[in-house]
């Protein structure tokens, strides 16, 4: 079935992230698949932002982000065949790059929004991953009712 499952999580939403991981882990257990969890830290590339953010602040932010992901994995992924990585940049772009680089055959994403006027003009991260991925994508909805 699947050999490599990529699971993007948002460490600011641990309940939703755990629900996504649990679904991916259940799928992985059916075929012995590997899981790679990724969490994307926004970059500091906008010129107005970059001009105010020092290298020290960037390092500190990344260390904080890495610690939060370490804690999430330690609390939720015991005994599983899981690797994880912090990525930096635009969420959907980094998820797609990692999927291609790692050779994922499934990406499990979470989308819990009702369609809004804003979404008609700009896609969400999950929508862009579904649209542009080179592998299968499972889009989970409404896990936290």
C-alpha atoms as a PDB file:
ATOM      1  CA  UNK A   1       0.000   0.000   0.000  1.00  0.00           C
ATOM      2  CA  UNK A   2       2.064   2.954   1.262  1.00  0.00           C
ATOM      3  CA  UNK A   3       5.750   2.899   2.206  1.00  0.00           C
ATOM      4  CA  UNK A   4       6.407   6.517   3.164  1.00  0.00           C
ATOM      5  CA  UNK A   5       3.766   8.762   4.722  1.00  0.00           C
ATOM      6  CA  UNK A   6       4.478  12.471   5.181  1.00  0.00           C
ATOM      7  CA  UNK A   7       2.532  14.117   8.007  1.00  0.00           C
ATOM      8  CA  UNK A   8       2.669  17.924   8.242  1.00  0.00           C
ATOM      9  CA  UNK A   9       1.649  19.154  11.696  1.00  0.00           C
ATOM     10  CA  UNK A  10       1.096  22.588  13.166  1.00  0.00           C
ATOM     11  CA  UNK A  11       2.713  22.588  16.595  1.00  0.00           C
ATOM     12  CA  UNK A  12       0.529  25.517  17.633  1.00  0.00           C
ATOM     13  CA  UNK A  13      -2.460  23.126  17.463  1.00  0.00           C
ATOM     14  CA  UNK A  14      -1.364  19.979  19.316  1.00  0.00           C
ATOM     15  CA  UNK A  15      -4.826  18.345  19.497  1.00  0.00           C
ATOM     16  CA  UNK A  16      -5.370  18.574  15.747  1.00  0.00           C
ATOM     17  CA  UNK A  17      -1.772  17.516  15.098  1.00  0.00           C
ATOM     18  CA  UNK A  18      -2.180  14.451  17.314  1.00  0.00           C
ATOM     19  CA  UNK A  19      -5.418  13.508  15.545  1.00  0.00           C
ATOM     20  CA  UNK A  20      -3.705  13.773  12.148  1.00  0.00           C
ATOM     21  CA  UNK A  21      -0.719  11.754  13.359  1.00  0.00           C
ATOM     22  CA  UNK A  22      -2.964   9.072  14.884  1.00  0.00           C
ATOM     23  CA  UNK A  23      -4.779   8.627  11.558  1.00  0.00           C
ATOM     24  CA  UNK A  24      -1.491   8.431   9.661  1.00  0.00           C
ATOM     25  CA  UNK A  25      -0.050   5.969  12.206  1.00  0.00           C
ATOM     26  CA  UNK A  26      -3.062   3.709  11.784  1.00  0.00           C
ATOM     27  CA  UNK A  27      -2.556   3.709   8.002  1.00  0.00           C
ATOM     28  CA  UNK A  28       1.178   3.097   8.438  1.00  0.00           C
ATOM     29  CA  UNK A  29       0.535   0.114  10.695  1.00  0.00           C
ATOM     30  CA  UNK A  30      -1.392  -1.624   7.902  1.00  0.00           C
ATOM     31  CA  UNK A  31       1.632  -1.747   5.606  1.00  0.00           C
ATOM     32  CA  UNK A  32       4.634  -1.106   7.849  1.00  0.00           C
ATOM     33  CA  UNK A  33       5.132   2.333   6.335  1.00  0.00           C
ATOM     34  CA  UNK A  34       7.592   4.901   7.613  1.00  0.00           C
ATOM     35  CA  UNK A  35       6.221   8.211   8.845  1.00  0.00           C
ATOM     36  CA  UNK A  36       7.973  11.538   8.574  1.00  0.00           C
ATOM     37  CA  UNK A  37       6.442  14.370  10.550  1.00  0.00           C
ATOM     38  CA  UNK A  38       7.242  17.878   9.378  1.00  0.00           C
ATOM     39  CA  UNK A  39       6.376  21.223  10.875  1.00  0.00           C
ATOM     40  CA  UNK A  40       6.992  24.374   8.882  1.00  0.00           C
ATOM     41  CA  UNK A  41       8.273  27.474  10.584  1.00  0.00           C
ATOM     42  CA  UNK A  42       7.484  30.649   8.656  1.00  0.00           C
ATOM     43  CA  UNK A  43      10.550  32.198   7.107  1.00  0.00           C
ATOM     44  CA  UNK A  44      11.760  35.747   7.519  1.00  0.00           C
ATOM     45  CA  UNK A  45      12.112  36.483   3.815  1.00  0.00           C
ATOM     46  CA  UNK A  46       9.827  39.485   3.423  1.00  0.00           C
ATOM     47  CA  UNK A  47      12.213  42.454   3.085  1.00  0.00           C
ATOM     48  CA  UNK A  48      10.437  44.557   5.706  1.00  0.00           C
ATOM     49  CA  UNK A  49      10.600  41.679   8.206  1.00  0.00           C
ATOM     50  CA  UNK A  50      14.103  40.515   7.268  1.00  0.00           C
ATOM     51  CA  UNK A  51      15.526  43.979   7.890  1.00  0.00           C
ATOM     52  CA  UNK A  52      14.480  43.811  11.561  1.00  0.00           C
ATOM     53  CA  UNK A  53      15.246  40.161  12.351  1.00  0.00           C
ATOM     54  CA  UNK A  54      18.798  39.360  13.372  1.00  0.00           C
ATOM     55  CA  UNK A  55      20.515  35.993  12.908  1.00  0.00           C
ATOM     56  CA  UNK A  56      20.346  35.522  16.683  1.00  0.00           C
ATOM     57  CA  UNK A  57      16.564  35.945  16.668  1.00  0.00           C
ATOM     58  CA  UNK A  58      16.282  33.470  13.774  1.00  0.00           C
ATOM     59  CA  UNK A  59      18.385  30.896  15.662  1.00  0.00           C
ATOM     60  CA  UNK A  60      16.357  31.384  18.823  1.00  0.00           C
ATOM     61  CA  UNK A  61      13.066  31.027  16.950  1.00  0.00           C
ATOM     62  CA  UNK A  62      14.246  27.843  15.228  1.00  0.00           C
ATOM     63  CA  UNK A  63      15.476  26.360  18.525  1.00  0.00           C
ATOM     64  CA  UNK A  64      12.101  27.101  20.143  1.00  0.00           C
ATOM     65  CA  UNK A  65      10.253  25.595  17.176  1.00  0.00           C
ATOM     66  CA  UNK A  66      12.496  22.494  17.200  1.00  0.00           C
ATOM     67  CA  UNK A  67      11.913  22.011  20.949  1.00  0.00           C
ATOM     68  CA  UNK A  68       8.150  22.170  20.459  1.00  0.00           C
ATOM     69  CA  UNK A  69       8.345  19.528  17.699  1.00  0.00           C
ATOM     70  CA  UNK A  70      10.662  17.344  19.821  1.00  0.00           C
ATOM     71  CA  UNK A  71       8.141  17.535  22.674  1.00  0.00           C
ATOM     72  CA  UNK A  72       5.226  16.695  20.358  1.00  0.00           C
ATOM     73  CA  UNK A  73       6.978  13.617  18.962  1.00  0.00           C
ATOM     74  CA  UNK A  74       8.095  12.450  22.416  1.00  0.00           C
ATOM     75  CA  UNK A  75       4.549  12.752  23.772  1.00  0.00           C
ATOM     76  CA  UNK A  76       2.655  11.260  20.835  1.00  0.00           C
ATOM     77  CA  UNK A  77       4.850   8.920  18.779  1.00  0.00           C
ATOM     78  CA  UNK A  78       6.218   6.369  21.226  1.00  0.00           C
ATOM     79  CA  UNK A  79       7.555   3.172  19.696  1.00  0.00           C
ATOM     80  CA  UNK A  80       6.690   4.179  16.146  1.00  0.00           C
ATOM     81  CA  UNK A  81       8.817   4.206  12.994  1.00  0.00           C
ATOM     82  CA  UNK A  82       8.852   8.013  12.879  1.00  0.00           C
ATOM     83  CA  UNK A  83      11.366  10.609  11.775  1.00  0.00           C
ATOM     84  CA  UNK A  84      10.724  14.328  11.975  1.00  0.00           C
ATOM     85  CA  UNK A  85      12.077  17.612  10.755  1.00  0.00           C
ATOM     86  CA  UNK A  86      11.524  21.349  11.075  1.00  0.00           C
ATOM     87  CA  UNK A  87      11.280  23.107   7.721  1.00  0.00           C
ATOM     88  CA  UNK A  88      11.484  26.851   7.115  1.00  0.00           C
ATOM     89  CA  UNK A  89       9.562  28.761   4.458  1.00  0.00           C
ATOM     90  CA  UNK A  90       6.102  28.800   2.919  1.00  0.00           C
ATOM     91  CA  UNK A  91       4.113  25.924   4.359  1.00  0.00           C
ATOM     92  CA  UNK A  92       2.778  24.279   1.217  1.00  0.00           C
ATOM     93  CA  UNK A  93       6.020  24.759  -0.739  1.00  0.00           C
ATOM     94  CA  UNK A  94       8.158  23.148   1.956  1.00  0.00           C
ATOM     95  CA  UNK A  95       5.711  20.247   2.394  1.00  0.00           C
ATOM     96  CA  UNK A  96       5.739  19.540  -1.343  1.00  0.00           C
ATOM     97  CA  UNK A  97       9.542  19.800  -1.555  1.00  0.00           C
ATOM     98  CA  UNK A  98       9.961  17.368   1.337  1.00  0.00           C
ATOM     99  CA  UNK A  99       7.453  14.921  -0.153  1.00  0.00           C
ATOM    100  CA  UNK A 100       9.407  14.847  -3.421  1.00  0.00           C
ATOM    101  CA  UNK A 101      12.837  14.765  -1.790  1.00  0.00           C
ATOM    102  CA  UNK A 102      11.919  11.982   0.657  1.00  0.00           C
ATOM    103  CA  UNK A 103       9.910  10.020  -1.906  1.00  0.00           C
ATOM    104  CA  UNK A 104       6.616  10.073  -0.007  1.00  0.00           C
ATOM    105  CA  UNK A 105       3.789   8.095  -1.542  1.00  0.00           C
ATOM    106  CA  UNK A 106       1.148   9.676   0.715  1.00  0.00           C
ATOM    107  CA  UNK A 107       0.736  13.036   2.420  1.00  0.00           C
ATOM    108  CA  UNK A 108      -1.825  13.253   5.228  1.00  0.00           C
ATOM    109  CA  UNK A 109      -3.073  16.821   5.724  1.00  0.00           C
ATOM    110  CA  UNK A 110      -5.717  18.410   7.904  1.00  0.00           C
ATOM    111  CA  UNK A 111      -8.233  20.958   6.708  1.00  0.00           C
ATOM    112  CA  UNK A 112     -10.846  22.175   9.161  1.00  0.00           C
ATOM    113  CA  UNK A 113     -12.239  25.298   7.594  1.00  0.00           C
ATOM    114  CA  UNK A 114     -15.619  26.091   6.247  1.00  0.00           C
ATOM    115  CA  UNK A 115     -15.443  27.721   2.842  1.00  0.00           C
ATOM    116  CA  UNK A 116     -15.145  31.461   3.264  1.00  0.00           C
ATOM    117  CA  UNK A 117     -15.077  34.332   0.830  1.00  0.00           C
ATOM    118  CA  UNK A 118     -11.346  34.667   1.460  1.00  0.00           C
ATOM    119  CA  UNK A 119     -10.721  31.051   0.369  1.00  0.00           C
ATOM    120  CA  UNK A 120     -12.301  31.795  -2.994  1.00  0.00           C
ATOM    121  CA  UNK A 121      -9.382  34.126  -3.675  1.00  0.00           C
ATOM    122  CA  UNK A 122      -6.526  32.361  -1.889  1.00  0.00           C
ATOM    123  CA  UNK A 123      -6.114  28.637  -1.332  1.00  0.00           C
ATOM    124  CA  UNK A 124      -5.313  27.135   2.043  1.00  0.00           C
ATOM    125  CA  UNK A 125      -2.153  25.131   2.584  1.00  0.00           C
ATOM    126  CA  UNK A 126      -4.102  21.848   2.461  1.00  0.00           C
ATOM    127  CA  UNK A 127      -5.800  22.821  -0.798  1.00  0.00           C
ATOM    128  CA  UNK A 128      -2.490  23.699  -2.434  1.00  0.00           C
ATOM    129  CA  UNK A 129      -0.890  20.450  -1.283  1.00  0.00           C
ATOM    130  CA  UNK A 130      -3.831  18.474  -2.693  1.00  0.00           C
ATOM    131  CA  UNK A 131      -3.650  20.360  -5.977  1.00  0.00           C
ATOM    132  CA  UNK A 132       0.118  20.286  -6.514  1.00  0.00           C
ATOM    133  CA  UNK A 133       1.423  17.076  -4.890  1.00  0.00           C
ATOM    134  CA  UNK A 134       3.121  14.431  -7.006  1.00  0.00           C
ATOM    135  CA  UNK A 135       1.780  11.662  -4.765  1.00  0.00           C
ATOM    136  CA  UNK A 136      -1.502  10.705  -3.135  1.00  0.00           C
ATOM    137  CA  UNK A 137      -2.935  13.076  -0.541  1.00  0.00           C
ATOM    138  CA  UNK A 138      -5.396  12.215   2.203  1.00  0.00           C
ATOM    139  CA  UNK A 139      -7.186  15.361   3.368  1.00  0.00           C
ATOM    140  CA  UNK A 140      -8.728  14.844   6.794  1.00  0.00           C
ATOM    141  CA  UNK A 141     -11.577  17.089   7.854  1.00  0.00           C
ATOM    142  CA  UNK A 142     -13.432  17.874  11.055  1.00  0.00           C
ATOM    143  CA  UNK A 143     -11.372  15.686  13.378  1.00  0.00           C
ATOM    144  CA  UNK A 144     -12.096  17.830  16.416  1.00  0.00           C
ATOM    145  CA  UNK A 145     -15.826  17.956  16.833  1.00  0.00           C
END
